[in-house]
Amino acid sequence: HVFIYGERGAGKTSLAHAAAFRHESSYSQPVLCACGRQTTFSSIVKDAVEQLLGRSKAATRELTRDLGVAGGIFTAKASVKDIAKPLPDSVDLNSAVALLAEATTRRRGRSIVVIDEFENLASTDERALFAELVKQLADRDVPVALIFCGVGQSVAELLQGHLSARRYLEGVDLPVPPMSFD
């Protein structure tokens, strides 16, 4: 997992996106999530899981198939409804790990999830849940890598959580803007 931090305009999001697209499996796209003042641990996890599963937030789909044999002797009609079960409104730490683990089993290779504007999470308790999530994903060998981006001076300041989670994170402190090509 990677935590990219620094001042506004330093290129954190650009670097995160470049890394995500570079390291995501060629069979899928990385997951891109953004934090706002109303964002919670649950809402980010749910958004990431929906993107990993390729679910639409606006529509469900229904698949109908007709089967038959030439000459009209045998005809069968099958209807398959592929309507996704909604995710729970509130997701705790263990549910988050289980949902991410299940969602990644349907993809090839390690999945990349970018969580941008991390400093916008209003609650320090919400940030601490992400520190615990990082540790649990590593402990349970879930094939997902998180890339966090946030305005701040250090990973500790932004994550504010489980102290042992830091050993699972690679921190990238970007220089004062603008970042040069080098």
Foldseek 3Di string as FASTA:
>chain_A
DAEEEAAPQACQVVVLLVVQQVPADPVAHAAEAEDALPDFLFVLLQSRLCVLQVHDPPDFDWDWDWDDDPPRPDTDTDTGGDGDDHDDPDAALVNSLVSLLVSCVVDPAAHEYEYEALQNHPDLVRLQSVLVNLVVCVVVVRRYDYYYYHYDDDPCVRNVHDPVSVVSYDYHYGDDDHHDPD
